[in-house]
Amino acid sequence: MDALERLLTERAVERMIADYAALNDAGDWAAVAAMYVPEGRMSRPTAPDAFVEGRDAILAAFQARPARASRHVVANIRVVLAGDGATATSQILLFTAADKLPLVGTYADRLVLTDEGWRFIERRGSLDFT
């Protein structure tokens, strides 16, 4: 992979992470779940060790959540490419209408390039401050 291909690939992963936040805020749960491989898994920052496993279960978990107004701000995205996969870390700042203070957290991601594009194998959220 040459330098330009590397930059374009890193940018594609960064865009995916930003799109995830925007789709989450928009409540487009089907689009969020579609960003995972079928056997993908995720944990929310508030429960980093409680993984939801499988694209269908991820969709159901989002659909079961009470409606809320939120804004996720994503920063410090770092992507490391390796073969047909990648890892990424990013920091999040979550604002919700119900909470007076935002939550600050980190996502650690594992991704793979599929025929449909980049997809999450795993997204593990954690809170940096409680």
C-alpha atoms as a PDB file:
ATOM      1  CA  MET A   1       0.000   0.000   0.000  1.00  0.00           C
ATOM      2  CA  ASP A   2       1.491   3.330  -1.010  1.00  0.00           C
ATOM      3  CA  ALA A   3       1.230   6.535   1.042  1.00  0.00           C
ATOM      4  CA  LEU A   4      -1.835   7.856  -0.811  1.00  0.00           C
ATOM      5  CA  GLU A   5      -3.717   4.555  -0.451  1.00  0.00           C
ATOM      6  CA  ARG A   6      -2.839   4.501   3.250  1.00  0.00           C
ATOM      7  CA  LEU A   7      -4.164   8.050   3.751  1.00  0.00           C
ATOM      8  CA  LEU A   8      -7.367   7.294   1.838  1.00  0.00           C
ATOM      9  CA  THR A   9      -7.939   4.121   3.838  1.00  0.00           C
ATOM     10  CA  GLU A  10      -7.296   5.866   7.146  1.00  0.00           C
ATOM     11  CA  ARG A  11      -9.702   8.616   6.103  1.00  0.00           C
ATOM     12  CA  ALA A  12     -12.380   6.055   5.207  1.00  0.00           C
ATOM     13  CA  VAL A  13     -12.152   4.572   8.710  1.00  0.00           C
ATOM     14  CA  GLU A  14     -12.196   8.033  10.308  1.00  0.00           C
ATOM     15  CA  ARG A  15     -15.301   8.907   8.268  1.00  0.00           C
ATOM     16  CA  MET A  16     -16.979   5.697   9.395  1.00  0.00           C
ATOM     17  CA  ILE A  17     -16.407   6.598  13.052  1.00  0.00           C
ATOM     18  CA  ALA A  18     -17.820  10.100  12.491  1.00  0.00           C
ATOM     19  CA  ASP A  19     -20.796   8.680  10.574  1.00  0.00           C
ATOM     20  CA  TYR A  20     -21.472   6.257  13.444  1.00  0.00           C
ATOM     21  CA  ALA A  21     -21.846   9.198  15.836  1.00  0.00           C
ATOM     22  CA  ALA A  22     -24.074  11.139  13.439  1.00  0.00           C
ATOM     23  CA  LEU A  23     -26.322   8.140  12.722  1.00  0.00           C
ATOM     24  CA  ASN A  24     -26.532   7.408  16.451  1.00  0.00           C
ATOM     25  CA  ASP A  25     -27.656  10.975  17.147  1.00  0.00           C
ATOM     26  CA  ALA A  26     -30.191  10.738  14.312  1.00  0.00           C
ATOM     27  CA  GLY A  27     -31.624   7.518  15.752  1.00  0.00           C
ATOM     28  CA  ASP A  28     -30.999   5.619  12.507  1.00  0.00           C
ATOM     29  CA  TRP A  29     -30.531   2.302  14.263  1.00  0.00           C
ATOM     30  CA  ALA A  30     -30.667   0.165  11.113  1.00  0.00           C
ATOM     31  CA  ALA A  31     -27.804   2.145   9.578  1.00  0.00           C
ATOM     32  CA  VAL A  32     -25.800   1.946  12.819  1.00  0.00           C
ATOM     33  CA  ALA A  33     -26.259  -1.831  13.052  1.00  0.00           C
ATOM     34  CA  ALA A  34     -25.331  -2.226   9.375  1.00  0.00           C
ATOM     35  CA  MET A  35     -21.890  -0.801  10.195  1.00  0.00           C
ATOM     36  CA  TYR A  36     -21.043  -4.092  11.929  1.00  0.00           C
ATOM     37  CA  VAL A  37     -20.125  -7.434  10.412  1.00  0.00           C
ATOM     38  CA  PRO A  38     -22.960  -9.949  11.045  1.00  0.00           C
ATOM     39  CA  GLU A  39     -21.093 -11.426  14.043  1.00  0.00           C
ATOM     40  CA  GLY A  40     -19.871  -8.043  15.297  1.00  0.00           C
ATOM     41  CA  ARG A  41     -20.104  -6.935  18.882  1.00  0.00           C
ATOM     42  CA  MET A  42     -20.282  -3.691  20.814  1.00  0.00           C
ATOM     43  CA  SER A  43     -20.296  -2.394  24.336  1.00  0.00           C
ATOM     44  CA  ARG A  44     -21.537   0.969  25.466  1.00  0.00           C
ATOM     45  CA  PRO A  45     -19.184   3.295  27.342  1.00  0.00           C
ATOM     46  CA  THR A  46     -21.389   2.996  30.439  1.00  0.00           C
ATOM     47  CA  ALA A  47     -21.018  -0.834  30.402  1.00  0.00           C
ATOM     48  CA  PRO A  48     -17.669  -1.630  28.752  1.00  0.00           C
ATOM     49  CA  ASP A  49     -17.667  -5.329  29.614  1.00  0.00           C
ATOM     50  CA  ALA A  50     -21.298  -6.034  28.678  1.00  0.00           C
ATOM     51  CA  PHE A  51     -21.031  -6.858  24.992  1.00  0.00           C
ATOM     52  CA  VAL A  52     -24.021  -7.070  22.693  1.00  0.00           C
ATOM     53  CA  GLU A  53     -23.127  -9.697  20.093  1.00  0.00           C
ATOM     54  CA  GLY A  54     -24.405  -9.983  16.537  1.00  0.00           C
ATOM     55  CA  ARG A  55     -25.760  -7.366  14.158  1.00  0.00           C
ATOM     56  CA  ASP A  56     -29.399  -8.311  14.871  1.00  0.00           C
ATOM     57  CA  ALA A  57     -28.859  -8.084  18.641  1.00  0.00           C
ATOM     58  CA  ILE A  58     -27.107  -4.723  18.226  1.00  0.00           C
ATOM     59  CA  LEU A  59     -30.092  -3.410  16.257  1.00  0.00           C
ATOM     60  CA  ALA A  60     -32.505  -4.720  18.899  1.00  0.00           C
ATOM     61  CA  ALA A  61     -30.457  -3.132  21.705  1.00  0.00           C
ATOM     62  CA  PHE A  62     -30.587   0.279  20.029  1.00  0.00           C
ATOM     63  CA  GLN A  63     -34.288  -0.060  19.256  1.00  0.00           C
ATOM     64  CA  ALA A  64     -35.027  -0.949  22.888  1.00  0.00           C
ATOM     65  CA  ARG A  65     -33.368   2.210  24.176  1.00  0.00           C
ATOM     66  CA  PRO A  66     -35.699   5.021  25.287  1.00  0.00           C
ATOM     67  CA  ALA A  67     -35.812   7.959  22.883  1.00  0.00           C
ATOM     68  CA  ARG A  68     -33.449  10.784  23.777  1.00  0.00           C
ATOM     69  CA  ALA A  69     -31.881  13.858  22.268  1.00  0.00           C
ATOM     70  CA  SER A  70     -28.113  13.450  22.070  1.00  0.00           C
ATOM     71  CA  ARG A  71     -25.012  14.788  20.408  1.00  0.00           C
ATOM     72  CA  HIS A  72     -21.804  12.803  20.198  1.00  0.00           C
ATOM     73  CA  VAL A  73     -18.614  14.769  19.553  1.00  0.00           C
ATOM     74  CA  VAL A  74     -15.795  12.539  18.322  1.00  0.00           C
ATOM     75  CA  ALA A  75     -12.141  13.567  18.497  1.00  0.00           C
ATOM     76  CA  ASN A  76      -8.574  12.281  18.445  1.00  0.00           C
ATOM     77  CA  ILE A  77      -9.302   9.465  16.007  1.00  0.00           C
ATOM     78  CA  ARG A  78      -6.224   7.294  15.517  1.00  0.00           C
ATOM     79  CA  VAL A  79      -6.238   4.519  12.922  1.00  0.00           C
ATOM     80  CA  VAL A  80      -3.688   1.722  12.580  1.00  0.00           C
ATOM     81  CA  LEU A  81      -3.880  -0.405   9.435  1.00  0.00           C
ATOM     82  CA  ALA A  82      -2.768  -4.035   9.351  1.00  0.00           C
ATOM     83  CA  GLY A  83      -3.443  -6.327   6.380  1.00  0.00           C
ATOM     84  CA  ASP A  84      -7.157  -6.280   5.532  1.00  0.00           C
ATOM     85  CA  GLY A  85      -8.057  -4.921   8.957  1.00  0.00           C
ATOM     86  CA  ALA A  86      -7.570  -1.939  11.189  1.00  0.00           C
ATOM     87  CA  THR A  87      -7.768  -0.820  14.776  1.00  0.00           C
ATOM     88  CA  ALA A  88      -8.845   2.636  15.857  1.00  0.00           C
ATOM     89  CA  THR A  89      -9.275   4.639  19.018  1.00  0.00           C
ATOM     90  CA  SER A  90     -11.297   7.785  19.493  1.00  0.00           C
ATOM     91  CA  GLN A  91     -12.529   9.961  22.304  1.00  0.00           C
ATOM     92  CA  ILE A  92     -16.175  10.907  22.654  1.00  0.00           C
ATOM     93  CA  LEU A  93     -18.003  13.660  24.410  1.00  0.00           C
ATOM     94  CA  LEU A  94     -21.698  12.829  24.818  1.00  0.00           C
ATOM     95  CA  PHE A  95     -24.290  15.473  25.499  1.00  0.00           C
ATOM     96  CA  THR A  96     -27.870  14.478  26.305  1.00  0.00           C
ATOM     97  CA  ALA A  97     -30.851  16.615  27.204  1.00  0.00           C
ATOM     98  CA  ALA A  98     -31.321  14.674  30.444  1.00  0.00           C
ATOM     99  CA  ASP A  99     -27.776  15.043  31.796  1.00  0.00           C
ATOM    100  CA  LYS A 100     -26.338  18.312  33.082  1.00  0.00           C
ATOM    101  CA  LEU A 101     -22.740  17.228  32.471  1.00  0.00           C
ATOM    102  CA  PRO A 102     -21.429  15.494  29.350  1.00  0.00           C
ATOM    103  CA  LEU A 103     -19.892  12.038  29.466  1.00  0.00           C
ATOM    104  CA  VAL A 104     -16.281  11.669  28.340  1.00  0.00           C
ATOM    105  CA  GLY A 105     -15.206   8.318  26.997  1.00  0.00           C
ATOM    106  CA  THR A 106     -13.097   6.289  24.624  1.00  0.00           C
ATOM    107  CA  TYR A 107     -13.880   3.793  21.903  1.00  0.00           C
ATOM    108  CA  ALA A 108     -11.465   1.028  20.950  1.00  0.00           C
ATOM    109  CA  ASP A 109     -12.423  -0.442  17.590  1.00  0.00           C
ATOM    110  CA  ARG A 110     -11.459  -3.423  15.479  1.00  0.00           C
ATOM    111  CA  LEU A 111     -12.507  -3.210  11.831  1.00  0.00           C
ATOM    112  CA  VAL A 112     -12.274  -5.261   8.671  1.00  0.00           C
ATOM    113  CA  LEU A 113     -12.643  -4.431   4.994  1.00  0.00           C
ATOM    114  CA  THR A 114     -15.570  -6.382   3.525  1.00  0.00           C
ATOM    115  CA  ASP A 115     -17.261  -6.419   0.120  1.00  0.00           C
ATOM    116  CA  GLU A 116     -19.623  -3.768   1.548  1.00  0.00           C
ATOM    117  CA  GLY A 117     -16.754  -1.574   2.779  1.00  0.00           C
ATOM    118  CA  TRP A 118     -15.268  -1.143   6.237  1.00  0.00           C
ATOM    119  CA  ARG A 119     -17.258  -2.736   9.049  1.00  0.00           C
ATOM    120  CA  PHE A 120     -16.794  -2.963  12.793  1.00  0.00           C
ATOM    121  CA  ILE A 121     -15.852  -6.323  14.223  1.00  0.00           C
ATOM    122  CA  GLU A 122     -15.900  -4.811  17.688  1.00  0.00           C
ATOM    123  CA  ARG A 123     -16.553  -1.417  19.304  1.00  0.00           C
ATOM    124  CA  ARG A 124     -15.687  -1.279  22.963  1.00  0.00           C
ATOM    125  CA  GLY A 125     -16.702   1.886  24.758  1.00  0.00           C
ATOM    126  CA  SER A 126     -15.492   3.014  28.156  1.00  0.00           C
ATOM    127  CA  LEU A 127     -15.891   6.089  30.325  1.00  0.00           C
ATOM    128  CA  ASP A 128     -12.779   8.102  31.100  1.00  0.00           C
ATOM    129  CA  PHE A 129     -14.337   9.974  34.044  1.00  0.00           C
ATOM    130  CA  THR A 130     -17.153   8.912  36.323  1.00  0.00           C
END
